[in-house]
Amino acid sequence: YKNSLFHYGRSFSIDKESIEPLLGLSLVYMEMSMFDQSIKACNLILKKDPKNYFATQRLISSEIRMKNFSHAEELLKSALDLYPTDPVFLEQKAIVLKEVGKLDDAKRIVSLLLLISPQNEFARSFSLGIQ
């Protein structure tokens, strides 16, 4: 990971307009559980490319890991406007809703997820956990 951080950081310092090094950094930071750093990298990406799928997904995941559920829920509104049937965003939404105590809403999201992806293991196990 240190090698990846060095090279992605160097790439970013050479070309600050490119989002690719930031995408690499955000992923490495997540793998290292450095969620605050991942959030920073994702926010830089989203300033350049406000609808970037991977940055949005990683930002929401990092916010969830940091237990910033209200911010994650806010981010999910715009993500699901763009990708209303995306399984990852639906999974994240179910997690956030469960964490903030909106179990009926979480069940509704999980039901939608099962319609879209009937074999989705997350949805199948999640729905059992909140019934």
N, C-alpha and C. Protein backbone atom coordinates (compact mmCIF):
# COMPACT_ATOMS: atom_id res chain seq x y z
N TYR A 1 0.81 -1.20 0.00
CA TYR A 1 0.00 0.00 0.00
C TYR A 1 0.86 1.27 0.00
N LYS A 2 1.97 1.22 0.75
CA LYS A 2 2.84 2.39 0.78
C LYS A 2 3.35 2.73 -0.62
N ASN A 3 3.71 1.72 -1.37
CA ASN A 3 4.19 1.92 -2.73
C ASN A 3 3.09 2.54 -3.60
N SER A 4 1.89 2.04 -3.46
CA SER A 4 0.76 2.59 -4.23
C SER A 4 0.51 4.04 -3.85
N LEU A 5 0.51 4.33 -2.56
CA LEU A 5 0.30 5.71 -2.13
C LEU A 5 1.37 6.64 -2.69
N PHE A 6 2.61 6.18 -2.68
CA PHE A 6 3.71 6.99 -3.20
C PHE A 6 3.48 7.29 -4.68
N HIS A 7 3.19 6.27 -5.46
CA HIS A 7 3.08 6.46 -6.91
C HIS A 7 1.81 7.22 -7.30
N TYR A 8 0.69 6.93 -6.66
CA TYR A 8 -0.52 7.71 -6.95
C TYR A 8 -0.34 9.16 -6.52
N GLY A 9 0.30 9.36 -5.37
CA GLY A 9 0.56 10.73 -4.91
C GLY A 9 1.47 11.48 -5.86
N ARG A 10 2.49 10.81 -6.33
CA ARG A 10 3.41 11.43 -7.29
C ARG A 10 2.69 11.74 -8.60
N SER A 11 1.87 10.81 -9.06
CA SER A 11 1.10 11.05 -10.29
C SER A 11 0.20 12.25 -10.14
N PHE A 12 -0.43 12.36 -8.99
CA PHE A 12 -1.32 13.50 -8.76
C PHE A 12 -0.53 14.80 -8.72
N SER A 13 0.65 14.78 -8.11
CA SER A 13 1.45 16.01 -8.04
C SER A 13 1.94 16.46 -9.43
N ILE A 14 2.11 15.51 -10.33
CA ILE A 14 2.54 15.83 -11.69
C ILE A 14 1.39 16.38 -12.52
N ASP A 15 0.18 15.80 -12.35
CA ASP A 15 -0.98 16.23 -13.14
C ASP A 15 -2.19 16.38 -12.22
N LYS A 16 -2.33 17.55 -11.66
CA LYS A 16 -3.39 17.81 -10.69
C LYS A 16 -4.79 17.84 -11.31
N GLU A 17 -4.87 17.88 -12.64
CA GLU A 17 -6.18 17.87 -13.30
C GLU A 17 -6.73 16.47 -13.50
N SER A 18 -5.87 15.48 -13.47
CA SER A 18 -6.29 14.11 -13.69
C SER A 18 -6.98 13.56 -12.45
N ILE A 19 -8.09 12.87 -12.66
CA ILE A 19 -8.78 12.25 -11.52
C ILE A 19 -8.30 10.82 -11.27
N GLU A 20 -7.61 10.23 -12.24
CA GLU A 20 -7.18 8.84 -12.08
C GLU A 20 -6.30 8.60 -10.86
N PRO A 21 -5.30 9.45 -10.58
CA PRO A 21 -4.51 9.21 -9.37
C PRO A 21 -5.36 9.32 -8.10
N LEU A 22 -6.32 10.23 -8.12
CA LEU A 22 -7.19 10.39 -6.95
C LEU A 22 -8.09 9.17 -6.76
N LEU A 23 -8.55 8.59 -7.87
CA LEU A 23 -9.33 7.36 -7.77
C LEU A 23 -8.49 6.25 -7.15
N GLY A 24 -7.24 6.16 -7.59
CA GLY A 24 -6.34 5.17 -7.01
C GLY A 24 -6.11 5.42 -5.52
N LEU A 25 -5.85 6.67 -5.18
CA LEU A 25 -5.64 7.01 -3.76
C LEU A 25 -6.87 6.69 -2.92
N SER A 26 -8.05 7.04 -3.42
CA SER A 26 -9.27 6.79 -2.64
C SER A 26 -9.44 5.31 -2.36
N LEU A 27 -9.13 4.47 -3.34
CA LEU A 27 -9.27 3.03 -3.15
C LEU A 27 -8.23 2.50 -2.15
N VAL A 28 -7.00 2.93 -2.29
CA VAL A 28 -5.96 2.48 -1.36
C VAL A 28 -6.28 2.95 0.06
N TYR A 29 -6.71 4.19 0.20
CA TYR A 29 -7.08 4.69 1.53
C TYR A 29 -8.20 3.85 2.14
N MET A 30 -9.18 3.47 1.33
CA MET A 30 -10.26 2.63 1.86
C MET A 30 -9.72 1.28 2.31
N GLU A 31 -8.86 0.70 1.50
CA GLU A 31 -8.29 -0.61 1.85
C GLU A 31 -7.47 -0.54 3.14
N MET A 32 -6.89 0.62 3.39
CA MET A 32 -6.07 0.82 4.60
C MET A 32 -6.90 1.32 5.78
N SER A 33 -8.23 1.40 5.59
CA SER A 33 -9.15 1.93 6.60
C SER A 33 -8.83 3.36 7.00
N MET A 34 -8.28 4.11 6.05
CA MET A 34 -8.00 5.54 6.25
C MET A 34 -9.16 6.32 5.61
N PHE A 35 -10.32 6.20 6.23
CA PHE A 35 -11.54 6.71 5.61
C PHE A 35 -11.57 8.23 5.53
N ASP A 36 -10.95 8.91 6.48
CA ASP A 36 -10.89 10.37 6.40
C ASP A 36 -10.11 10.82 5.17
N GLN A 37 -9.03 10.11 4.85
CA GLN A 37 -8.25 10.44 3.66
C GLN A 37 -9.00 10.08 2.37
N SER A 38 -9.72 8.98 2.42
CA SER A 38 -10.53 8.59 1.27
C SER A 38 -11.60 9.65 0.98
N ILE A 39 -12.20 10.17 2.04
CA ILE A 39 -13.21 11.23 1.89
C ILE A 39 -12.60 12.45 1.22
N LYS A 40 -11.40 12.83 1.65
CA LYS A 40 -10.73 13.99 1.04
C LYS A 40 -10.47 13.75 -0.44
N ALA A 41 -9.95 12.58 -0.78
CA ALA A 41 -9.66 12.27 -2.19
C ALA A 41 -10.94 12.26 -3.02
N CYS A 42 -11.99 11.67 -2.48
CA CYS A 42 -13.27 11.62 -3.21
C CYS A 42 -13.85 13.01 -3.42
N ASN A 43 -13.74 13.85 -2.41
CA ASN A 43 -14.25 15.22 -2.56
C ASN A 43 -13.48 15.99 -3.63
N LEU A 44 -12.18 15.77 -3.72
CA LEU A 44 -11.40 16.40 -4.79
C LEU A 44 -11.86 15.92 -6.16
N ILE A 45 -12.12 14.63 -6.28
CA ILE A 45 -12.62 14.09 -7.54
C ILE A 45 -13.96 14.72 -7.89
N LEU A 46 -14.85 14.77 -6.92
CA LEU A 46 -16.21 15.26 -7.18
C LEU A 46 -16.24 16.76 -7.48
N LYS A 47 -15.23 17.50 -7.07
CA LYS A 47 -15.12 18.90 -7.48
C LYS A 47 -14.86 18.99 -8.97
N LYS A 48 -14.09 18.05 -9.49
CA LYS A 48 -13.73 18.03 -10.92
C LYS A 48 -14.80 17.34 -11.76
N ASP A 49 -15.40 16.29 -11.19
CA ASP A 49 -16.36 15.45 -11.90
C ASP A 49 -17.49 15.12 -10.93
N PRO A 50 -18.48 16.03 -10.80
CA PRO A 50 -19.51 15.90 -9.76
C PRO A 50 -20.36 14.63 -9.80
N LYS A 51 -20.36 13.93 -10.91
CA LYS A 51 -21.19 12.73 -11.01
C LYS A 51 -20.35 11.46 -11.14
N ASN A 52 -19.11 11.51 -10.71
CA ASN A 52 -18.24 10.36 -10.83
C ASN A 52 -18.76 9.21 -9.96
N TYR A 53 -19.04 8.10 -10.62
CA TYR A 53 -19.64 6.95 -9.94
C TYR A 53 -18.75 6.40 -8.83
N PHE A 54 -17.49 6.12 -9.14
CA PHE A 54 -16.61 5.50 -8.16
C PHE A 54 -16.32 6.42 -6.98
N ALA A 55 -16.13 7.69 -7.24
CA ALA A 55 -15.88 8.64 -6.15
C ALA A 55 -17.10 8.74 -5.25
N THR A 56 -18.27 8.77 -5.85
CA THR A 56 -19.51 8.85 -5.06
C THR A 56 -19.67 7.60 -4.21
N GLN A 57 -19.47 6.45 -4.82
CA GLN A 57 -19.60 5.19 -4.10
C GLN A 57 -18.61 5.09 -2.94
N ARG A 58 -17.36 5.45 -3.20
CA ARG A 58 -16.34 5.38 -2.15
C ARG A 58 -16.55 6.43 -1.07
N LEU A 59 -17.02 7.60 -1.46
CA LEU A 59 -17.31 8.64 -0.47
C LEU A 59 -18.40 8.17 0.48
N ILE A 60 -19.46 7.61 -0.08
CA ILE A 60 -20.56 7.12 0.76
C ILE A 60 -20.08 5.99 1.66
N SER A 61 -19.31 5.06 1.11
CA SER A 61 -18.78 3.96 1.93
C SER A 61 -17.91 4.49 3.07
N SER A 62 -17.09 5.46 2.76
CA SER A 62 -16.22 6.04 3.79
C SER A 62 -17.03 6.77 4.85
N GLU A 63 -18.05 7.49 4.43
CA GLU A 63 -18.91 8.19 5.40
C GLU A 63 -19.62 7.18 6.30
N ILE A 64 -20.06 6.07 5.74
CA ILE A 64 -20.69 5.03 6.54
C ILE A 64 -19.69 4.47 7.55
N ARG A 65 -18.48 4.19 7.11
CA ARG A 65 -17.46 3.66 8.01
C ARG A 65 -17.10 4.64 9.11
N MET A 66 -17.20 5.93 8.81
CA MET A 66 -16.92 6.97 9.81
C MET A 66 -18.15 7.27 10.67
N LYS A 67 -19.25 6.54 10.38
CA LYS A 67 -20.52 6.69 11.10
C LYS A 67 -21.16 8.07 10.89
N ASN A 68 -20.89 8.67 9.74
CA ASN A 68 -21.52 9.93 9.34
C ASN A 68 -22.76 9.60 8.52
N PHE A 69 -23.74 9.00 9.20
CA PHE A 69 -24.89 8.46 8.49
C PHE A 69 -25.77 9.53 7.86
N SER A 70 -25.90 10.67 8.51
CA SER A 70 -26.75 11.72 7.92
C SER A 70 -26.14 12.24 6.63
N HIS A 71 -24.82 12.41 6.59
CA HIS A 71 -24.17 12.86 5.37
C HIS A 71 -24.25 11.78 4.29
N ALA A 72 -24.06 10.54 4.67
CA ALA A 72 -24.17 9.43 3.71
C ALA A 72 -25.58 9.38 3.13
N GLU A 73 -26.58 9.58 3.96
CA GLU A 73 -27.97 9.56 3.49
C GLU A 73 -28.22 10.69 2.49
N GLU A 74 -27.67 11.84 2.78
CA GLU A 74 -27.79 12.99 1.87
C GLU A 74 -27.12 12.70 0.52
N LEU A 75 -25.95 12.13 0.55
CA LEU A 75 -25.23 11.78 -0.68
C LEU A 75 -25.98 10.72 -1.48
N LEU A 76 -26.60 9.79 -0.77
CA LEU A 76 -27.33 8.73 -1.45
C LEU A 76 -28.54 9.23 -2.22
N LYS A 77 -29.13 10.32 -1.77
CA LYS A 77 -30.28 10.88 -2.51
C LYS A 77 -29.88 11.23 -3.93
N SER A 78 -28.78 11.94 -4.10
CA SER A 78 -28.36 12.31 -5.46
C SER A 78 -27.80 11.11 -6.21
N ALA A 79 -27.12 10.19 -5.52
CA ALA A 79 -26.59 9.00 -6.19
C ALA A 79 -27.72 8.16 -6.76
N LEU A 80 -28.79 7.99 -5.98
CA LEU A 80 -29.91 7.17 -6.45
C LEU A 80 -30.78 7.90 -7.47
N ASP A 81 -30.70 9.23 -7.51
CA ASP A 81 -31.35 9.95 -8.61
C ASP A 81 -30.66 9.60 -9.94
N LEU A 82 -29.34 9.50 -9.89
CA LEU A 82 -28.58 9.16 -11.10
C LEU A 82 -28.64 7.67 -11.42
N TYR A 83 -28.61 6.83 -10.40
CA TYR A 83 -28.55 5.37 -10.57
C TYR A 83 -29.61 4.71 -9.68
N PRO A 84 -30.89 4.82 -10.04
CA PRO A 84 -31.96 4.37 -9.14
C PRO A 84 -32.00 2.86 -8.90
N THR A 85 -31.40 2.07 -9.76
CA THR A 85 -31.42 0.62 -9.57
C THR A 85 -30.02 0.04 -9.32
N ASP A 86 -29.09 0.87 -8.96
CA ASP A 86 -27.73 0.39 -8.73
C ASP A 86 -27.68 -0.40 -7.42
N PRO A 87 -27.27 -1.67 -7.49
CA PRO A 87 -27.25 -2.49 -6.28
C PRO A 87 -26.34 -1.96 -5.17
N VAL A 88 -25.20 -1.40 -5.51
CA VAL A 88 -24.29 -0.89 -4.48
C VAL A 88 -24.92 0.27 -3.73
N PHE A 89 -25.48 1.21 -4.46
CA PHE A 89 -26.11 2.35 -3.80
C PHE A 89 -27.33 1.92 -2.99
N LEU A 90 -28.07 0.94 -3.48
CA LEU A 90 -29.22 0.44 -2.72
C LEU A 90 -28.76 -0.26 -1.44
N GLU A 91 -27.69 -1.02 -1.53
CA GLU A 91 -27.15 -1.65 -0.33
C GLU A 91 -26.73 -0.59 0.69
N GLN A 92 -26.04 0.42 0.21
CA GLN A 92 -25.59 1.50 1.11
C GLN A 92 -26.78 2.19 1.75
N LYS A 93 -27.82 2.41 0.95
CA LYS A 93 -29.02 3.08 1.47
C LYS A 93 -29.66 2.24 2.57
N ALA A 94 -29.75 0.94 2.35
CA ALA A 94 -30.34 0.05 3.36
C ALA A 94 -29.52 0.08 4.65
N ILE A 95 -28.21 0.08 4.53
CA ILE A 95 -27.34 0.13 5.71
C ILE A 95 -27.58 1.43 6.48
N VAL A 96 -27.59 2.55 5.77
CA VAL A 96 -27.78 3.85 6.42
C VAL A 96 -29.14 3.92 7.09
N LEU A 97 -30.18 3.50 6.38
CA LEU A 97 -31.52 3.57 6.96
C LEU A 97 -31.63 2.70 8.21
N LYS A 98 -31.03 1.54 8.18
CA LYS A 98 -31.03 0.69 9.36
C LYS A 98 -30.30 1.37 10.52
N GLU A 99 -29.15 1.96 10.22
CA GLU A 99 -28.35 2.60 11.27
C GLU A 99 -29.05 3.80 11.91
N VAL A 100 -29.87 4.50 11.14
CA VAL A 100 -30.57 5.66 11.71
C VAL A 100 -31.96 5.28 12.23
N GLY A 101 -32.25 3.98 12.25
CA GLY A 101 -33.50 3.51 12.85
C GLY A 101 -34.73 3.56 11.96
N LYS A 102 -34.54 3.71 10.67
CA LYS A 102 -35.67 3.73 9.74
C LYS A 102 -35.83 2.34 9.13
N LEU A 103 -36.27 1.39 9.97
CA LEU A 103 -36.30 0.00 9.56
C LEU A 103 -37.32 -0.27 8.46
N ASP A 104 -38.48 0.39 8.50
CA ASP A 104 -39.47 0.18 7.44
C ASP A 104 -38.94 0.66 6.09
N ASP A 105 -38.25 1.80 6.09
CA ASP A 105 -37.65 2.30 4.85
C ASP A 105 -36.54 1.37 4.38
N ALA A 106 -35.76 0.85 5.32
CA ALA A 106 -34.69 -0.09 4.96
C ALA A 106 -35.29 -1.35 4.33
N LYS A 107 -36.37 -1.86 4.89
CA LYS A 107 -37.04 -3.04 4.33
C LYS A 107 -37.54 -2.76 2.92
N ARG A 108 -38.05 -1.58 2.69
CA ARG A 108 -38.54 -1.21 1.36
C ARG A 108 -37.38 -1.21 0.36
N ILE A 109 -36.25 -0.66 0.75
CA ILE A 109 -35.07 -0.63 -0.13
C ILE A 109 -34.57 -2.04 -0.40
N VAL A 110 -34.53 -2.87 0.62
CA VAL A 110 -34.08 -4.25 0.44
C VAL A 110 -35.03 -5.01 -0.48
N SER A 111 -36.32 -4.76 -0.36
CA SER A 111 -37.29 -5.39 -1.26
C SER A 111 -37.04 -4.98 -2.70
N LEU A 112 -36.78 -3.70 -2.92
CA LEU A 112 -36.45 -3.22 -4.26
C LEU A 112 -35.17 -3.88 -4.76
N LEU A 113 -34.20 -3.97 -3.91
CA LEU A 113 -32.94 -4.60 -4.28
C LEU A 113 -33.15 -6.06 -4.69
N LEU A 114 -34.02 -6.77 -3.98
CA LEU A 114 -34.30 -8.16 -4.32
C LEU A 114 -35.04 -8.28 -5.64
N LEU A 115 -35.86 -7.29 -5.96
CA LEU A 115 -36.52 -7.29 -7.28
C LEU A 115 -35.50 -7.12 -8.40
N ILE A 116 -34.56 -6.26 -8.17
CA ILE A 116 -33.54 -5.96 -9.17
C ILE A 116 -32.52 -7.09 -9.26
N SER A 117 -32.16 -7.62 -8.12
CA SER A 117 -31.11 -8.63 -8.05
C SER A 117 -31.55 -9.74 -7.09
N PRO A 118 -32.38 -10.68 -7.56
CA PRO A 118 -32.97 -11.69 -6.68
C PRO A 118 -31.96 -12.56 -5.94
N GLN A 119 -30.77 -12.72 -6.48
CA GLN A 119 -29.76 -13.56 -5.82
C GLN A 119 -28.79 -12.75 -4.97
N ASN A 120 -29.06 -11.48 -4.79
CA ASN A 120 -28.16 -10.61 -4.04
C ASN A 120 -28.03 -11.10 -2.60
N GLU A 121 -26.84 -11.57 -2.26
CA GLU A 121 -26.60 -12.13 -0.93
C GLU A 121 -26.78 -11.10 0.18
N PHE A 122 -26.34 -9.88 -0.09
CA PHE A 122 -26.50 -8.83 0.92
C PHE A 122 -27.98 -8.66 1.24
N ALA A 123 -28.80 -8.52 0.21
CA ALA A 123 -30.23 -8.29 0.42
C ALA A 123 -30.89 -9.48 1.09
N ARG A 124 -30.51 -10.67 0.70
CA ARG A 124 -31.11 -11.87 1.30
C ARG A 124 -30.76 -11.97 2.78
N SER A 125 -29.53 -11.72 3.13
CA SER A 125 -29.13 -11.81 4.54
C SER A 125 -29.61 -10.59 5.32
N PHE A 126 -29.60 -9.45 4.69
CA PHE A 126 -30.03 -8.22 5.36
C PHE A 126 -31.51 -8.30 5.71
N SER A 127 -32.32 -8.76 4.76
CA SER A 127 -33.76 -8.81 5.02
C SER A 127 -34.07 -9.75 6.18
N LEU A 128 -33.29 -10.83 6.32
CA LEU A 128 -33.50 -11.72 7.46
C LEU A 128 -33.13 -11.03 8.76
N GLY A 129 -32.17 -10.16 8.71
CA GLY A 129 -31.71 -9.49 9.93
C GLY A 129 -32.63 -8.41 10.44
N ILE A 130 -33.58 -7.94 9.64
CA ILE A 130 -34.45 -6.84 10.11
C ILE A 130 -35.91 -7.20 10.10
N GLN A 131 -36.25 -8.47 9.87
CA GLN A 131 -37.67 -8.83 9.88
C GLN A 131 -38.19 -8.96 11.29
